[in-house]
């Protein structure tokens, strides 16, 4: 490890070429003392040297602060920030992005893992196409029970110059049980994403993915470059974790559609594009309710046997 860590914000100049650019990795954490060292190890082992790891500690009550400060003292690439109070899961993710200084940025969960060439593979795609605001990659998901799952996206619509083509494809992908492509854990051009507003709500990750699709074209590395632990929570448990009102569980899809619709007015779209986008949101709403209805029918059928 490099000497002399830091616990305050970094300031630095921006390199000329994207393959040499500073890349920030944001690591939001709360009470992760037992698992965070392994994650940090995978980030610092990247073959791209110009790296910044921003650890955002959300007022942990275990030994996370001591572990993080020890790690920061050993490597100058680590920036450690501790929130004085618990700001919530989403705001802690947003804080990590705001504290970062890199040209490019990627979030990582406190129990995830990156391959050593994850960052460099993403930068290669950015260097080949200056239109891109986001580069995703293949992911391996570790599930609590059963075999691991690997994503395998091979589409091209998310790289389109047409924002509604990208938007439509992202809404289609949201209907897949496990994501074929996960934009929340891809690499982004930080300045392009800082202005995208995020609201704490159920399905916020899906709303954010749709906003990213409207913001610009995406690239993709089909190779598996990261591993994530997949945890499935009930809507009520997720509401508690996000600290959102429980009543949102009953209107989650409607609120998701309304927030996405509201965002359309913030985007640089012409009238025809807005009509197309609204039509796709309406179709998504119908699809979601069909899925819910089908599940309820199946549940009733099992009970009646």
C-alpha atoms as a PDB file:
ATOM      1  CA  UNK A   1       0.000   0.000   0.000  1.00  0.00           C
ATOM      2  CA  UNK A   2       1.024   3.608  -0.540  1.00  0.00           C
ATOM      3  CA  UNK A   3       1.860   5.618   2.563  1.00  0.00           C
ATOM      4  CA  UNK A   4      -0.061   8.388   4.258  1.00  0.00           C
ATOM      5  CA  UNK A   5      -3.835   8.181   4.062  1.00  0.00           C
ATOM      6  CA  UNK A   6      -6.315  11.012   4.334  1.00  0.00           C
ATOM      7  CA  UNK A   7      -9.608  11.652   6.068  1.00  0.00           C
ATOM      8  CA  UNK A   8     -10.542  14.861   4.269  1.00  0.00           C
ATOM      9  CA  UNK A   9     -11.574  15.795   0.724  1.00  0.00           C
ATOM     10  CA  UNK A  10      -9.076  15.390  -2.129  1.00  0.00           C
ATOM     11  CA  UNK A  11      -8.271  18.043  -4.703  1.00  0.00           C
ATOM     12  CA  UNK A  12      -6.473  17.227  -7.939  1.00  0.00           C
ATOM     13  CA  UNK A  13      -6.064  18.077 -11.579  1.00  0.00           C
ATOM     14  CA  UNK A  14      -7.857  16.153 -14.304  1.00  0.00           C
ATOM     15  CA  UNK A  15      -5.628  14.159 -16.716  1.00  0.00           C
ATOM     16  CA  UNK A  16      -5.955  14.700 -20.434  1.00  0.00           C
ATOM     17  CA  UNK A  17      -6.857  11.150 -21.500  1.00  0.00           C
ATOM     18  CA  UNK A  18      -9.695   9.101 -20.049  1.00  0.00           C
ATOM     19  CA  UNK A  19      -7.494   6.007 -19.679  1.00  0.00           C
ATOM     20  CA  UNK A  20      -5.263   8.029 -17.305  1.00  0.00           C
ATOM     21  CA  UNK A  21      -8.091   9.828 -15.523  1.00  0.00           C
ATOM     22  CA  UNK A  22      -8.704   9.791 -11.806  1.00  0.00           C
ATOM     23  CA  UNK A  23     -11.382   7.225 -11.006  1.00  0.00           C
ATOM     24  CA  UNK A  24     -13.289   7.459  -7.729  1.00  0.00           C
ATOM     25  CA  UNK A  25     -14.886   4.436  -6.110  1.00  0.00           C
ATOM     26  CA  UNK A  26     -17.577   5.285  -3.561  1.00  0.00           C
ATOM     27  CA  UNK A  27     -18.019   2.855  -0.675  1.00  0.00           C
ATOM     28  CA  UNK A  28     -21.055   3.673   1.516  1.00  0.00           C
ATOM     29  CA  UNK A  29     -21.043   1.651   4.729  1.00  0.00           C
ATOM     30  CA  UNK A  30     -22.817   1.333   8.058  1.00  0.00           C
ATOM     31  CA  UNK A  31     -21.688  -1.216  10.652  1.00  0.00           C
ATOM     32  CA  UNK A  32     -19.488  -3.113   8.230  1.00  0.00           C
ATOM     33  CA  UNK A  33     -16.396  -3.634  10.366  1.00  0.00           C
ATOM     34  CA  UNK A  34     -16.322  -7.396   9.782  1.00  0.00           C
ATOM     35  CA  UNK A  35     -16.516  -7.263   5.978  1.00  0.00           C
ATOM     36  CA  UNK A  36     -15.156  -3.945   4.747  1.00  0.00           C
ATOM     37  CA  UNK A  37     -11.466  -4.864   4.603  1.00  0.00           C
ATOM     38  CA  UNK A  38     -12.058  -7.437   1.862  1.00  0.00           C
ATOM     39  CA  UNK A  39     -13.954  -4.898  -0.244  1.00  0.00           C
ATOM     40  CA  UNK A  40     -11.256  -2.266   0.200  1.00  0.00           C
ATOM     41  CA  UNK A  41      -8.636  -4.833  -0.788  1.00  0.00           C
ATOM     42  CA  UNK A  42     -10.382  -5.494  -4.111  1.00  0.00           C
ATOM     43  CA  UNK A  43     -10.602  -1.762  -4.893  1.00  0.00           C
ATOM     44  CA  UNK A  44      -6.983  -0.998  -4.068  1.00  0.00           C
ATOM     45  CA  UNK A  45      -5.834  -4.004  -6.126  1.00  0.00           C
ATOM     46  CA  UNK A  46      -7.051  -2.400  -9.388  1.00  0.00           C
ATOM     47  CA  UNK A  47      -4.493  -2.308 -12.197  1.00  0.00           C
ATOM     48  CA  UNK A  48      -5.516   1.326 -12.846  1.00  0.00           C
ATOM     49  CA  UNK A  49      -3.265   3.326 -10.532  1.00  0.00           C
ATOM     50  CA  UNK A  50      -4.923   6.763 -10.577  1.00  0.00           C
ATOM     51  CA  UNK A  51      -7.598   5.777  -8.070  1.00  0.00           C
ATOM     52  CA  UNK A  52      -9.507   7.334  -5.189  1.00  0.00           C
ATOM     53  CA  UNK A  53     -11.553   5.295  -2.703  1.00  0.00           C
ATOM     54  CA  UNK A  54     -14.162   7.375  -0.863  1.00  0.00           C
ATOM     55  CA  UNK A  55     -15.461   5.547   2.208  1.00  0.00           C
ATOM     56  CA  UNK A  56     -18.638   7.151   3.518  1.00  0.00           C
ATOM     57  CA  UNK A  57     -19.398   5.864   7.009  1.00  0.00           C
ATOM     58  CA  UNK A  58     -23.021   6.432   7.970  1.00  0.00           C
ATOM     59  CA  UNK A  59     -22.575   6.915  11.739  1.00  0.00           C
ATOM     60  CA  UNK A  60     -21.592   3.284  12.376  1.00  0.00           C
ATOM     61  CA  UNK A  61     -22.000   1.993  15.926  1.00  0.00           C
ATOM     62  CA  UNK A  62     -19.559  -0.919  15.638  1.00  0.00           C
ATOM     63  CA  UNK A  63     -15.814  -0.821  14.940  1.00  0.00           C
ATOM     64  CA  UNK A  64     -16.156   0.445  11.365  1.00  0.00           C
ATOM     65  CA  UNK A  65     -14.612   3.839  12.111  1.00  0.00           C
ATOM     66  CA  UNK A  66     -11.458   2.331  13.648  1.00  0.00           C
ATOM     67  CA  UNK A  67     -11.035  -0.112  10.763  1.00  0.00           C
ATOM     68  CA  UNK A  68     -11.479   2.635   8.161  1.00  0.00           C
ATOM     69  CA  UNK A  69      -9.093   5.060   9.835  1.00  0.00           C
ATOM     70  CA  UNK A  70      -6.454   2.323  10.055  1.00  0.00           C
ATOM     71  CA  UNK A  71      -6.907   1.565   6.364  1.00  0.00           C
ATOM     72  CA  UNK A  72      -6.707   5.272   5.426  1.00  0.00           C
ATOM     73  CA  UNK A  73      -3.473   5.609   7.402  1.00  0.00           C
ATOM     74  CA  UNK A  74      -1.922   2.910   5.211  1.00  0.00           C
ATOM     75  CA  UNK A  75      -2.933   4.156   1.760  1.00  0.00           C
ATOM     76  CA  UNK A  76      -3.157   7.744   0.517  1.00  0.00           C
ATOM     77  CA  UNK A  77      -5.786   6.784  -2.071  1.00  0.00           C
ATOM     78  CA  UNK A  78      -8.373   6.298   0.681  1.00  0.00           C
ATOM     79  CA  UNK A  79     -10.576   9.235   1.693  1.00  0.00           C
ATOM     80  CA  UNK A  80     -12.561   8.526   4.858  1.00  0.00           C
ATOM     81  CA  UNK A  81     -15.685  10.510   5.752  1.00  0.00           C
ATOM     82  CA  UNK A  82     -17.944   9.848   8.728  1.00  0.00           C
ATOM     83  CA  UNK A  83     -21.452  11.272   8.940  1.00  0.00           C
ATOM     84  CA  UNK A  84     -22.111  12.680  12.447  1.00  0.00           C
ATOM     85  CA  UNK A  85     -25.649  11.229  12.292  1.00  0.00           C
ATOM     86  CA  UNK A  86     -27.369   8.479  10.320  1.00  0.00           C
ATOM     87  CA  UNK A  87     -28.453  10.223   7.105  1.00  0.00           C
ATOM     88  CA  UNK A  88     -30.159   7.172   5.611  1.00  0.00           C
ATOM     89  CA  UNK A  89     -29.106   4.631   3.012  1.00  0.00           C
ATOM     90  CA  UNK A  90     -29.744   6.716  -0.112  1.00  0.00           C
ATOM     91  CA  UNK A  91     -28.224   9.956   1.195  1.00  0.00           C
ATOM     92  CA  UNK A  92     -25.093   8.072   2.185  1.00  0.00           C
ATOM     93  CA  UNK A  93     -24.719   6.840  -1.401  1.00  0.00           C
ATOM     94  CA  UNK A  94     -25.262  10.379  -2.690  1.00  0.00           C
ATOM     95  CA  UNK A  95     -22.729  11.778  -0.217  1.00  0.00           C
ATOM     96  CA  UNK A  96     -20.062   9.393  -1.518  1.00  0.00           C
ATOM     97  CA  UNK A  97     -20.652  10.721  -5.036  1.00  0.00           C
ATOM     98  CA  UNK A  98     -20.507  14.359  -3.928  1.00  0.00           C
ATOM     99  CA  UNK A  99     -17.264  13.892  -1.976  1.00  0.00           C
ATOM    100  CA  UNK A 100     -15.532  12.190  -4.894  1.00  0.00           C
ATOM    101  CA  UNK A 101     -13.235  14.189  -7.178  1.00  0.00           C
ATOM    102  CA  UNK A 102     -12.594  11.753 -10.024  1.00  0.00           C
ATOM    103  CA  UNK A 103     -13.571  12.254 -13.644  1.00  0.00           C
ATOM    104  CA  UNK A 104     -15.204   8.834 -13.427  1.00  0.00           C
ATOM    105  CA  UNK A 105     -17.043   7.258 -10.510  1.00  0.00           C
ATOM    106  CA  UNK A 106     -18.340   3.869  -9.430  1.00  0.00           C
ATOM    107  CA  UNK A 107     -20.250   2.769  -6.335  1.00  0.00           C
ATOM    108  CA  UNK A 108     -19.417  -0.477  -4.568  1.00  0.00           C
ATOM    109  CA  UNK A 109     -21.364  -2.184  -1.783  1.00  0.00           C
ATOM    110  CA  UNK A 110     -19.672  -2.993   1.516  1.00  0.00           C
ATOM    111  CA  UNK A 111     -19.788  -6.734   0.780  1.00  0.00           C
ATOM    112  CA  UNK A 112     -19.046  -6.626  -2.975  1.00  0.00           C
ATOM    113  CA  UNK A 113     -15.898  -7.468  -4.928  1.00  0.00           C
ATOM    114  CA  UNK A 114     -14.165  -6.092  -8.030  1.00  0.00           C
ATOM    115  CA  UNK A 115     -11.875  -7.950 -10.408  1.00  0.00           C
ATOM    116  CA  UNK A 116      -8.424  -6.270 -10.603  1.00  0.00           C
ATOM    117  CA  UNK A 117      -9.113  -5.058 -14.161  1.00  0.00           C
ATOM    118  CA  UNK A 118     -12.674  -3.809 -13.527  1.00  0.00           C
ATOM    119  CA  UNK A 119     -11.791  -0.109 -13.680  1.00  0.00           C
ATOM    120  CA  UNK A 120      -9.379  -0.335 -16.617  1.00  0.00           C
ATOM    121  CA  UNK A 121     -11.852  -2.313 -18.748  1.00  0.00           C
ATOM    122  CA  UNK A 122     -14.474   0.378 -18.196  1.00  0.00           C
ATOM    123  CA  UNK A 123     -12.041   3.169 -19.043  1.00  0.00           C
ATOM    124  CA  UNK A 124     -11.134   1.444 -22.310  1.00  0.00           C
ATOM    125  CA  UNK A 125     -14.798   1.597 -23.369  1.00  0.00           C
ATOM    126  CA  UNK A 126     -15.065   5.268 -22.416  1.00  0.00           C
ATOM    127  CA  UNK A 127     -11.879   6.045 -24.360  1.00  0.00           C
ATOM    128  CA  UNK A 128     -13.336   4.441 -27.488  1.00  0.00           C
ATOM    129  CA  UNK A 129     -16.577   6.476 -27.449  1.00  0.00           C
ATOM    130  CA  UNK A 130     -16.754   9.986 -26.014  1.00  0.00           C
ATOM    131  CA  UNK A 131     -20.585   9.997 -26.214  1.00  0.00           C
ATOM    132  CA  UNK A 132     -20.902   7.624 -23.264  1.00  0.00           C
ATOM    133  CA  UNK A 133     -21.950   8.707 -19.781  1.00  0.00           C
ATOM    134  CA  UNK A 134     -22.006   5.204 -18.278  1.00  0.00           C
ATOM    135  CA  UNK A 135     -20.291   1.856 -18.802  1.00  0.00           C
ATOM    136  CA  UNK A 136     -21.811  -1.270 -17.265  1.00  0.00           C
ATOM    137  CA  UNK A 137     -20.320  -4.752 -17.082  1.00  0.00           C
ATOM    138  CA  UNK A 138     -21.243  -8.338 -16.500  1.00  0.00           C
ATOM    139  CA  UNK A 139     -21.925  -9.133 -12.823  1.00  0.00           C
ATOM    140  CA  UNK A 140     -21.939 -12.278 -10.729  1.00  0.00           C
ATOM    141  CA  UNK A 141     -24.630 -12.393  -8.025  1.00  0.00           C
ATOM    142  CA  UNK A 142     -24.247 -14.553  -4.947  1.00  0.00           C
ATOM    143  CA  UNK A 143     -27.668 -15.617  -3.678  1.00  0.00           C
ATOM    144  CA  UNK A 144     -28.430 -16.765  -0.112  1.00  0.00           C
ATOM    145  CA  UNK A 145     -29.722 -20.090  -1.441  1.00  0.00           C
ATOM    146  CA  UNK A 146     -28.966 -21.847  -4.713  1.00  0.00           C
ATOM    147  CA  UNK A 147     -26.355 -21.367  -7.399  1.00  0.00           C
ATOM    148  CA  UNK A 148     -24.765 -18.038  -8.246  1.00  0.00           C
ATOM    149  CA  UNK A 149     -26.301 -16.061 -11.082  1.00  0.00           C
ATOM    150  CA  UNK A 150     -24.329 -14.292 -13.803  1.00  0.00           C
ATOM    151  CA  UNK A 151     -25.762 -11.428 -15.868  1.00  0.00           C
ATOM    152  CA  UNK A 152     -25.509 -11.715 -19.638  1.00  0.00           C
ATOM    153  CA  UNK A 153     -26.690  -8.605 -21.463  1.00  0.00           C
ATOM    154  CA  UNK A 154     -25.984  -8.438 -25.196  1.00  0.00           C
ATOM    155  CA  UNK A 155     -28.299  -5.637 -26.348  1.00  0.00           C
ATOM    156  CA  UNK A 156     -27.307  -2.436 -28.133  1.00  0.00           C
ATOM    157  CA  UNK A 157     -30.301  -0.144 -27.513  1.00  0.00           C
ATOM    158  CA  UNK A 158     -28.732   1.482 -24.441  1.00  0.00           C
ATOM    159  CA  UNK A 159     -25.967   2.843 -26.678  1.00  0.00           C
ATOM    160  CA  UNK A 160     -28.425   4.597 -28.979  1.00  0.00           C
ATOM    161  CA  UNK A 161     -28.239   8.348 -29.594  1.00  0.00           C
ATOM    162  CA  UNK A 162     -32.020   8.464 -29.161  1.00  0.00           C
ATOM    163  CA  UNK A 163     -32.878   8.980 -25.459  1.00  0.00           C
ATOM    164  CA  UNK A 164     -36.305   7.341 -25.786  1.00  0.00           C
ATOM    165  CA  UNK A 165     -34.826   4.208 -27.346  1.00  0.00           C
ATOM    166  CA  UNK A 166     -32.520   3.945 -24.331  1.00  0.00           C
ATOM    167  CA  UNK A 167     -35.360   4.781 -21.932  1.00  0.00           C
ATOM    168  CA  UNK A 168     -37.654   2.144 -23.452  1.00  0.00           C
ATOM    169  CA  UNK A 169     -34.949  -0.508 -23.212  1.00  0.00           C
ATOM    170  CA  UNK A 170     -34.248   0.312 -19.564  1.00  0.00           C
ATOM    171  CA  UNK A 171     -37.941   0.073 -18.661  1.00  0.00           C
ATOM    172  CA  UNK A 172     -38.061  -3.301 -20.408  1.00  0.00           C
ATOM    173  CA  UNK A 173     -35.075  -4.531 -18.438  1.00  0.00           C
ATOM    174  CA  UNK A 174     -36.720  -3.506 -15.158  1.00  0.00           C
ATOM    175  CA  UNK A 175     -39.256  -6.298 -15.701  1.00  0.00           C
ATOM    176  CA  UNK A 176     -36.484  -8.918 -15.544  1.00  0.00           C
ATOM    177  CA  UNK A 177     -36.296 -10.676 -12.171  1.00  0.00           C
ATOM    178  CA  UNK A 178     -32.531 -10.279 -11.879  1.00  0.00           C
ATOM    179  CA  UNK A 179     -30.933  -7.362 -13.753  1.00  0.00           C
ATOM    180  CA  UNK A 180     -29.200  -8.238 -16.987  1.00  0.00           C
ATOM    181  CA  UNK A 181     -27.409  -4.937 -16.658  1.00  0.00           C
ATOM    182  CA  UNK A 182     -26.967  -2.951 -13.427  1.00  0.00           C
ATOM    183  CA  UNK A 183     -26.385   0.775 -14.066  1.00  0.00           C
ATOM    184  CA  UNK A 184     -26.179   1.609 -10.362  1.00  0.00           C
ATOM    185  CA  UNK A 185     -22.931  -0.326 -10.156  1.00  0.00           C
ATOM    186  CA  UNK A 186     -21.451   0.712 -13.472  1.00  0.00           C
ATOM    187  CA  UNK A 187     -18.847   3.418 -14.068  1.00  0.00           C
ATOM    188  CA  UNK A 188     -20.180   6.913 -14.754  1.00  0.00           C
ATOM    189  CA  UNK A 189     -18.893  10.288 -15.868  1.00  0.00           C
ATOM    190  CA  UNK A 190     -19.278  11.947 -12.496  1.00  0.00           C
ATOM    191  CA  UNK A 191     -20.097  15.476 -13.686  1.00  0.00           C
ATOM    192  CA  UNK A 192     -22.865  14.156 -15.960  1.00  0.00           C
ATOM    193  CA  UNK A 193     -24.633  12.434 -13.067  1.00  0.00           C
ATOM    194  CA  UNK A 194     -24.182  14.942 -10.219  1.00  0.00           C
ATOM    195  CA  UNK A 195     -27.211  16.923 -11.369  1.00  0.00           C
ATOM    196  CA  UNK A 196     -29.598  13.979 -11.445  1.00  0.00           C
ATOM    197  CA  UNK A 197     -31.962  14.390  -8.517  1.00  0.00           C
ATOM    198  CA  UNK A 198     -32.695  11.342  -6.360  1.00  0.00           C
ATOM    199  CA  UNK A 199     -35.690  10.933  -4.031  1.00  0.00           C
ATOM    200  CA  UNK A 200     -35.867   8.463  -1.174  1.00  0.00           C
ATOM    201  CA  UNK A 201     -38.687   6.100  -2.132  1.00  0.00           C
ATOM    202  CA  UNK A 202     -39.406   2.485  -2.972  1.00  0.00           C
ATOM    203  CA  UNK A 203     -38.102   1.534  -6.440  1.00  0.00           C
ATOM    204  CA  UNK A 204     -35.785   4.566  -6.323  1.00  0.00           C
ATOM    205  CA  UNK A 205     -33.024   2.489  -7.900  1.00  0.00           C
ATOM    206  CA  UNK A 206     -35.284   1.771 -10.880  1.00  0.00           C
ATOM    207  CA  UNK A 207     -36.241   5.435 -11.203  1.00  0.00           C
ATOM    208  CA  UNK A 208     -32.566   6.405 -11.129  1.00  0.00           C
ATOM    209  CA  UNK A 209     -31.774   3.821 -13.816  1.00  0.00           C
ATOM    210  CA  UNK A 210     -34.456   5.352 -16.053  1.00  0.00           C
ATOM    211  CA  UNK A 211     -33.046   8.845 -15.444  1.00  0.00           C
ATOM    212  CA  UNK A 212     -29.572   7.616 -16.370  1.00  0.00           C
ATOM    213  CA  UNK A 213     -30.946   6.165 -19.606  1.00  0.00           C
ATOM    214  CA  UNK A 214     -32.333   9.582 -20.530  1.00  0.00           C
ATOM    215  CA  UNK A 215     -29.054  11.319 -19.654  1.00  0.00           C
ATOM    216  CA  UNK A 216     -26.886   9.784 -22.380  1.00  0.00           C
ATOM    217  CA  UNK A 217     -25.675   6.655 -24.213  1.00  0.00           C
ATOM    218  CA  UNK A 218     -24.213   3.709 -22.337  1.00  0.00           C
ATOM    219  CA  UNK A 219     -21.454   1.235 -23.113  1.00  0.00           C
ATOM    220  CA  UNK A 220     -21.177  -2.308 -21.816  1.00  0.00           C
ATOM    221  CA  UNK A 221     -18.417  -4.808 -21.068  1.00  0.00           C
ATOM    222  CA  UNK A 222     -19.957  -8.304 -21.334  1.00  0.00           C
ATOM    223  CA  UNK A 223     -17.167  -9.748 -19.212  1.00  0.00           C
ATOM    224  CA  UNK A 224     -17.957 -10.376 -15.528  1.00  0.00           C
ATOM    225  CA  UNK A 225     -15.949  -7.728 -13.678  1.00  0.00           C
ATOM    226  CA  UNK A 226     -17.664  -7.592 -10.282  1.00  0.00           C
ATOM    227  CA  UNK A 227     -19.440  -9.716  -7.731  1.00  0.00           C
ATOM    228  CA  UNK A 228     -22.397  -8.681  -5.592  1.00  0.00           C
ATOM    229  CA  UNK A 229     -24.356 -10.349  -2.827  1.00  0.00           C
ATOM    230  CA  UNK A 230     -28.036 -10.580  -3.751  1.00  0.00           C
ATOM    231  CA  UNK A 231     -30.447 -10.033  -0.867  1.00  0.00           C
ATOM    232  CA  UNK A 232     -34.183 -10.228  -1.435  1.00  0.00           C
ATOM    233  CA  UNK A 233     -36.294  -8.209   1.002  1.00  0.00           C
ATOM    234  CA  UNK A 234     -40.050  -7.965   1.319  1.00  0.00           C
ATOM    235  CA  UNK A 235     -41.522  -4.565   0.377  1.00  0.00           C
ATOM    236  CA  UNK A 236     -42.221  -3.848   4.050  1.00  0.00           C
ATOM    237  CA  UNK A 237     -38.684  -4.749   5.121  1.00  0.00           C
ATOM    238  CA  UNK A 238     -37.283  -2.612   2.312  1.00  0.00           C
ATOM    239  CA  UNK A 239     -39.456   0.329   3.377  1.00  0.00           C
ATOM    240  CA  UNK A 240     -38.061   0.058   6.898  1.00  0.00           C
ATOM    241  CA  UNK A 241     -34.509  -0.156   5.628  1.00  0.00           C
ATOM    242  CA  UNK A 242     -34.972   2.932   3.465  1.00  0.00           C
ATOM    243  CA  UNK A 243     -36.899   4.712   6.212  1.00  0.00           C
ATOM    244  CA  UNK A 244     -39.835   5.519   3.930  1.00  0.00           C
ATOM    245  CA  UNK A 245     -43.507   5.474   5.016  1.00  0.00           C
ATOM    246  CA  UNK A 246     -44.996   1.983   4.931  1.00  0.00           C
ATOM    247  CA  UNK A 247     -48.005   3.237   2.953  1.00  0.00           C
ATOM    248  CA  UNK A 248     -45.704   3.582  -0.066  1.00  0.00           C
ATOM    249  CA  UNK A 249     -45.705  -0.210  -0.347  1.00  0.00           C
ATOM    250  CA  UNK A 250     -49.288  -0.093  -1.637  1.00  0.00           C
ATOM    251  CA  UNK A 251     -48.582   2.640  -4.202  1.00  0.00           C
ATOM    252  CA  UNK A 252     -44.961   1.901  -5.100  1.00  0.00           C
ATOM    253  CA  UNK A 253     -45.515   1.450  -8.840  1.00  0.00           C
ATOM    254  CA  UNK A 254     -47.730   4.541  -9.125  1.00  0.00           C
ATOM    255  CA  UNK A 255     -45.167   6.657  -7.261  1.00  0.00           C
ATOM    256  CA  UNK A 256     -42.384   5.267  -9.430  1.00  0.00           C
ATOM    257  CA  UNK A 257     -44.259   6.214 -12.585  1.00  0.00           C
ATOM    258  CA  UNK A 258     -45.124   9.680 -11.270  1.00  0.00           C
ATOM    259  CA  UNK A 259     -41.513  10.432 -10.336  1.00  0.00           C
ATOM    260  CA  UNK A 260     -40.280   9.203 -13.707  1.00  0.00           C
ATOM    261  CA  UNK A 261     -42.963  11.272 -15.465  1.00  0.00           C
ATOM    262  CA  UNK A 262     -41.970  14.346 -13.457  1.00  0.00           C
ATOM    263  CA  UNK A 263     -38.361  13.912 -14.523  1.00  0.00           C
ATOM    264  CA  UNK A 264     -39.305  14.037 -18.197  1.00  0.00           C
ATOM    265  CA  UNK A 265     -40.052  17.747 -17.819  1.00  0.00           C
ATOM    266  CA  UNK A 266     -36.488  18.278 -16.589  1.00  0.00           C
ATOM    267  CA  UNK A 267     -34.920  16.621 -19.630  1.00  0.00           C
ATOM    268  CA  UNK A 268     -34.037  18.183 -22.985  1.00  0.00           C
ATOM    269  CA  UNK A 269     -36.708  16.371 -24.998  1.00  0.00           C
ATOM    270  CA  UNK A 270     -38.983  17.596 -27.756  1.00  0.00           C
ATOM    271  CA  UNK A 271     -42.759  17.149 -27.586  1.00  0.00           C
ATOM    272  CA  UNK A 272     -42.710  13.992 -29.679  1.00  0.00           C
ATOM    273  CA  UNK A 273     -40.056  12.406 -27.462  1.00  0.00           C
ATOM    274  CA  UNK A 274     -42.002  13.274 -24.310  1.00  0.00           C
ATOM    275  CA  UNK A 275     -45.136  11.672 -25.733  1.00  0.00           C
ATOM    276  CA  UNK A 276     -43.178   8.528 -26.565  1.00  0.00           C
ATOM    277  CA  UNK A 277     -41.668   8.434 -23.086  1.00  0.00           C
ATOM    278  CA  UNK A 278     -45.023   8.935 -21.356  1.00  0.00           C
ATOM    279  CA  UNK A 279     -46.502   6.140 -23.444  1.00  0.00           C
ATOM    280  CA  UNK A 280     -43.700   3.800 -22.324  1.00  0.00           C
ATOM    281  CA  UNK A 281     -44.276   4.734 -18.671  1.00  0.00           C
ATOM    282  CA  UNK A 282     -47.948   3.877 -19.074  1.00  0.00           C
ATOM    283  CA  UNK A 283     -47.029   0.515 -20.561  1.00  0.00           C
ATOM    284  CA  UNK A 284     -44.664  -0.166 -17.671  1.00  0.00           C
ATOM    285  CA  UNK A 285     -47.445   0.614 -15.190  1.00  0.00           C
ATOM    286  CA  UNK A 286     -49.762  -1.887 -16.892  1.00  0.00           C
ATOM    287  CA  UNK A 287     -47.028  -4.545 -17.047  1.00  0.00           C
ATOM    288  CA  UNK A 288     -46.255  -4.215 -13.360  1.00  0.00           C
ATOM    289  CA  UNK A 289     -49.889  -4.580 -12.386  1.00  0.00           C
ATOM    290  CA  UNK A 290     -50.261  -7.623 -14.613  1.00  0.00           C
ATOM    291  CA  UNK A 291     -47.285  -9.201 -12.862  1.00  0.00           C
ATOM    292  CA  UNK A 292     -48.781  -8.462  -9.431  1.00  0.00           C
ATOM    293  CA  UNK A 293     -52.166  -9.831 -10.480  1.00  0.00           C
ATOM    294  CA  UNK A 294     -50.593 -13.021 -11.867  1.00  0.00           C
ATOM    295  CA  UNK A 295     -48.693 -13.601  -8.632  1.00  0.00           C
ATOM    296  CA  UNK A 296     -51.839 -13.138  -6.566  1.00  0.00           C
ATOM    297  CA  UNK A 297     -53.783 -15.576  -8.752  1.00  0.00           C
ATOM    298  CA  UNK A 298     -51.030 -18.180  -8.374  1.00  0.00           C
ATOM    299  CA  UNK A 299     -50.993 -17.656  -4.604  1.00  0.00           C
ATOM    300  CA  UNK A 300     -54.762 -18.088  -4.354  1.00  0.00           C
ATOM    301  CA  UNK A 301     -54.576 -21.199  -6.521  1.00  0.00           C
ATOM    302  CA  UNK A 302     -52.000 -22.765  -4.187  1.00  0.00           C
ATOM    303  CA  UNK A 303     -54.120 -21.940  -1.149  1.00  0.00           C
ATOM    304  CA  UNK A 304     -57.220 -23.474  -2.760  1.00  0.00           C
ATOM    305  CA  UNK A 305     -55.525 -26.835  -3.416  1.00  0.00           C
END
